[in-house]
């Protein structure tokens, strides 16, 4: 069974940095796009950034120039480096990946990591 486990969330002051990691485990044949979404209280879950297996990255306008998404294909892990954090970045961050395992090609989600930015 495919599982995604996030780590690296926490509390940081405005202007600070955090790095999120998400490791995909299970009987995996391949992983296509991996990414990060976030959901603030009372709001919908929105894309923050994603990255293809070839390394092409895509960012939400609100994080361009501040966040960097990367991946280590050998470790089945995706990262999100978050710099110059703002209070409005406060949210639960969810890892997402399109994974082909022994049964199917499917979209999988992690349980989320809380990021809180204080002003």
C-alpha atoms as a PDB file:
ATOM      1  CA  UNK A   1       0.000   0.000   0.000  1.00  0.00           C
ATOM      2  CA  UNK A   2       1.326   3.417  -0.958  1.00  0.00           C
ATOM      3  CA  UNK A   3       1.868   5.884   1.873  1.00  0.00           C
ATOM      4  CA  UNK A   4       3.017   9.507   1.929  1.00  0.00           C
ATOM      5  CA  UNK A   5       4.505  10.854   5.152  1.00  0.00           C
ATOM      6  CA  UNK A   6       5.286  14.547   5.630  1.00  0.00           C
ATOM      7  CA  UNK A   7       7.779  16.021   8.076  1.00  0.00           C
ATOM      8  CA  UNK A   8       9.301  19.390   8.871  1.00  0.00           C
ATOM      9  CA  UNK A   9       6.352  21.568   9.788  1.00  0.00           C
ATOM     10  CA  UNK A  10       6.321  23.843  12.814  1.00  0.00           C
ATOM     11  CA  UNK A  11       6.158  27.364  14.164  1.00  0.00           C
ATOM     12  CA  UNK A  12       8.352  30.103  12.746  1.00  0.00           C
ATOM     13  CA  UNK A  13       8.457  33.892  12.874  1.00  0.00           C
ATOM     14  CA  UNK A  14       7.684  35.969   9.812  1.00  0.00           C
ATOM     15  CA  UNK A  15      10.727  36.174   7.577  1.00  0.00           C
ATOM     16  CA  UNK A  16      11.968  32.792   8.682  1.00  0.00           C
ATOM     17  CA  UNK A  17      12.387  29.517   6.815  1.00  0.00           C
ATOM     18  CA  UNK A  18      11.145  25.949   7.009  1.00  0.00           C
ATOM     19  CA  UNK A  19      11.760  22.858   4.917  1.00  0.00           C
ATOM     20  CA  UNK A  20       9.087  20.229   4.403  1.00  0.00           C
ATOM     21  CA  UNK A  21       9.830  16.686   3.293  1.00  0.00           C
ATOM     22  CA  UNK A  22       7.512  13.970   2.034  1.00  0.00           C
ATOM     23  CA  UNK A  23       8.571  10.379   1.508  1.00  0.00           C
ATOM     24  CA  UNK A  24       6.543   7.965  -0.595  1.00  0.00           C
ATOM     25  CA  UNK A  25       6.707   4.313   0.421  1.00  0.00           C
ATOM     26  CA  UNK A  26       5.146   1.043  -0.703  1.00  0.00           C
ATOM     27  CA  UNK A  27       5.338  -1.234  -3.742  1.00  0.00           C
ATOM     28  CA  UNK A  28       6.077   1.545  -6.221  1.00  0.00           C
ATOM     29  CA  UNK A  29       6.816   1.156  -9.901  1.00  0.00           C
ATOM     30  CA  UNK A  30       7.053   4.858 -10.684  1.00  0.00           C
ATOM     31  CA  UNK A  31       6.113   8.316  -9.426  1.00  0.00           C
ATOM     32  CA  UNK A  32       4.977  11.020 -11.819  1.00  0.00           C
ATOM     33  CA  UNK A  33       4.201  14.516 -10.569  1.00  0.00           C
ATOM     34  CA  UNK A  34       4.758  15.234  -6.881  1.00  0.00           C
ATOM     35  CA  UNK A  35       3.597  18.362  -5.165  1.00  0.00           C
ATOM     36  CA  UNK A  36       2.457  20.370  -2.213  1.00  0.00           C
ATOM     37  CA  UNK A  37      -0.962  21.819  -1.447  1.00  0.00           C
ATOM     38  CA  UNK A  38      -2.070  23.875   1.511  1.00  0.00           C
ATOM     39  CA  UNK A  39      -5.310  24.544   3.304  1.00  0.00           C
ATOM     40  CA  UNK A  40      -5.882  27.390   5.728  1.00  0.00           C
ATOM     41  CA  UNK A  41      -8.830  27.335   8.166  1.00  0.00           C
ATOM     42  CA  UNK A  42     -12.087  27.998   6.353  1.00  0.00           C
ATOM     43  CA  UNK A  43     -10.456  27.945   2.927  1.00  0.00           C
ATOM     44  CA  UNK A  44     -10.122  25.436   0.107  1.00  0.00           C
ATOM     45  CA  UNK A  45      -7.039  23.339  -0.512  1.00  0.00           C
ATOM     46  CA  UNK A  46      -4.846  25.032  -3.104  1.00  0.00           C
ATOM     47  CA  UNK A  47      -1.757  24.068  -5.051  1.00  0.00           C
ATOM     48  CA  UNK A  48       1.478  25.545  -3.706  1.00  0.00           C
ATOM     49  CA  UNK A  49       3.988  23.901  -6.037  1.00  0.00           C
ATOM     50  CA  UNK A  50       4.532  20.713  -7.973  1.00  0.00           C
ATOM     51  CA  UNK A  51       7.338  19.053  -9.885  1.00  0.00           C
ATOM     52  CA  UNK A  52       7.366  16.467 -12.648  1.00  0.00           C
ATOM     53  CA  UNK A  53       9.545  13.378 -12.717  1.00  0.00           C
ATOM     54  CA  UNK A  54      11.792  15.257 -15.129  1.00  0.00           C
ATOM     55  CA  UNK A  55      12.234  18.161 -12.740  1.00  0.00           C
ATOM     56  CA  UNK A  56       9.929  20.799 -14.218  1.00  0.00           C
ATOM     57  CA  UNK A  57       8.454  22.877 -11.409  1.00  0.00           C
ATOM     58  CA  UNK A  58       5.278  24.917 -11.181  1.00  0.00           C
ATOM     59  CA  UNK A  59       4.409  27.456  -8.464  1.00  0.00           C
ATOM     60  CA  UNK A  60       1.439  29.389  -7.213  1.00  0.00           C
ATOM     61  CA  UNK A  61       1.918  33.110  -7.808  1.00  0.00           C
ATOM     62  CA  UNK A  62       1.781  33.794  -4.074  1.00  0.00           C
ATOM     63  CA  UNK A  63       4.947  31.764  -3.391  1.00  0.00           C
ATOM     64  CA  UNK A  64       7.065  32.426  -6.484  1.00  0.00           C
ATOM     65  CA  UNK A  65      10.524  33.614  -5.520  1.00  0.00           C
ATOM     66  CA  UNK A  66      10.119  32.451  -1.922  1.00  0.00           C
ATOM     67  CA  UNK A  67       9.446  28.698  -2.115  1.00  0.00           C
ATOM     68  CA  UNK A  68      11.407  26.025  -3.961  1.00  0.00           C
ATOM     69  CA  UNK A  69      10.145  22.524  -4.704  1.00  0.00           C
ATOM     70  CA  UNK A  70      12.614  19.721  -5.407  1.00  0.00           C
ATOM     71  CA  UNK A  71      12.688  15.947  -5.443  1.00  0.00           C
ATOM     72  CA  UNK A  72      15.087  13.060  -4.969  1.00  0.00           C
ATOM     73  CA  UNK A  73      13.853  10.289  -7.236  1.00  0.00           C
ATOM     74  CA  UNK A  74      16.223   7.736  -5.704  1.00  0.00           C
ATOM     75  CA  UNK A  75      14.634   8.366  -2.305  1.00  0.00           C
ATOM     76  CA  UNK A  76      11.044   8.820  -3.550  1.00  0.00           C
ATOM     77  CA  UNK A  77      11.008  12.096  -1.655  1.00  0.00           C
ATOM     78  CA  UNK A  78       9.796  15.597  -2.462  1.00  0.00           C
ATOM     79  CA  UNK A  79      10.853  18.718  -0.603  1.00  0.00           C
ATOM     80  CA  UNK A  80       9.507  22.228  -0.165  1.00  0.00           C
ATOM     81  CA  UNK A  81      11.968  24.884   0.933  1.00  0.00           C
ATOM     82  CA  UNK A  82      10.034  27.863   2.254  1.00  0.00           C
ATOM     83  CA  UNK A  83      11.861  31.155   2.749  1.00  0.00           C
ATOM     84  CA  UNK A  84      10.692  34.645   3.683  1.00  0.00           C
ATOM     85  CA  UNK A  85       7.623  33.151   5.292  1.00  0.00           C
ATOM     86  CA  UNK A  86       4.591  35.352   5.889  1.00  0.00           C
ATOM     87  CA  UNK A  87       1.675  34.969   8.330  1.00  0.00           C
ATOM     88  CA  UNK A  88      -0.583  34.288   5.348  1.00  0.00           C
ATOM     89  CA  UNK A  89       1.458  31.147   4.632  1.00  0.00           C
ATOM     90  CA  UNK A  90      -0.008  29.616   7.785  1.00  0.00           C
ATOM     91  CA  UNK A  91      -1.849  26.443   6.790  1.00  0.00           C
ATOM     92  CA  UNK A  92      -1.765  22.670   6.818  1.00  0.00           C
ATOM     93  CA  UNK A  93       0.532  21.565   4.002  1.00  0.00           C
ATOM     94  CA  UNK A  94      -0.317  18.338   2.204  1.00  0.00           C
ATOM     95  CA  UNK A  95       1.985  16.252   0.059  1.00  0.00           C
ATOM     96  CA  UNK A  96       0.522  14.799  -3.136  1.00  0.00           C
ATOM     97  CA  UNK A  97       1.866  12.322  -5.665  1.00  0.00           C
ATOM     98  CA  UNK A  98       0.724  10.389  -8.719  1.00  0.00           C
ATOM     99  CA  UNK A  99       2.020   6.874  -8.137  1.00  0.00           C
ATOM    100  CA  UNK A 100       1.964   3.709 -10.199  1.00  0.00           C
ATOM    101  CA  UNK A 101       2.050   0.704  -7.895  1.00  0.00           C
ATOM    102  CA  UNK A 102       1.440  -2.990  -8.613  1.00  0.00           C
ATOM    103  CA  UNK A 103      -2.303  -2.448  -9.009  1.00  0.00           C
ATOM    104  CA  UNK A 104      -2.983   0.952 -10.514  1.00  0.00           C
ATOM    105  CA  UNK A 105      -1.992   4.530 -11.255  1.00  0.00           C
ATOM    106  CA  UNK A 106      -3.469   6.721  -8.552  1.00  0.00           C
ATOM    107  CA  UNK A 107      -3.297  10.029  -6.704  1.00  0.00           C
ATOM    108  CA  UNK A 108      -2.183   9.776  -3.103  1.00  0.00           C
ATOM    109  CA  UNK A 109      -2.131  12.291  -0.245  1.00  0.00           C
ATOM    110  CA  UNK A 110      -0.220  12.646   2.978  1.00  0.00           C
ATOM    111  CA  UNK A 111      -1.913  13.460   6.277  1.00  0.00           C
ATOM    112  CA  UNK A 112      -0.594  17.006   6.358  1.00  0.00           C
ATOM    113  CA  UNK A 113       1.947  19.082   8.252  1.00  0.00           C
ATOM    114  CA  UNK A 114       1.024  22.225  10.156  1.00  0.00           C
ATOM    115  CA  UNK A 115       2.994  25.366   9.315  1.00  0.00           C
ATOM    116  CA  UNK A 116       2.366  28.388  11.512  1.00  0.00           C
ATOM    117  CA  UNK A 117       3.995  31.748  10.826  1.00  0.00           C
ATOM    118  CA  UNK A 118       3.765  34.328  13.594  1.00  0.00           C
ATOM    119  CA  UNK A 119       3.883  38.065  12.928  1.00  0.00           C
END
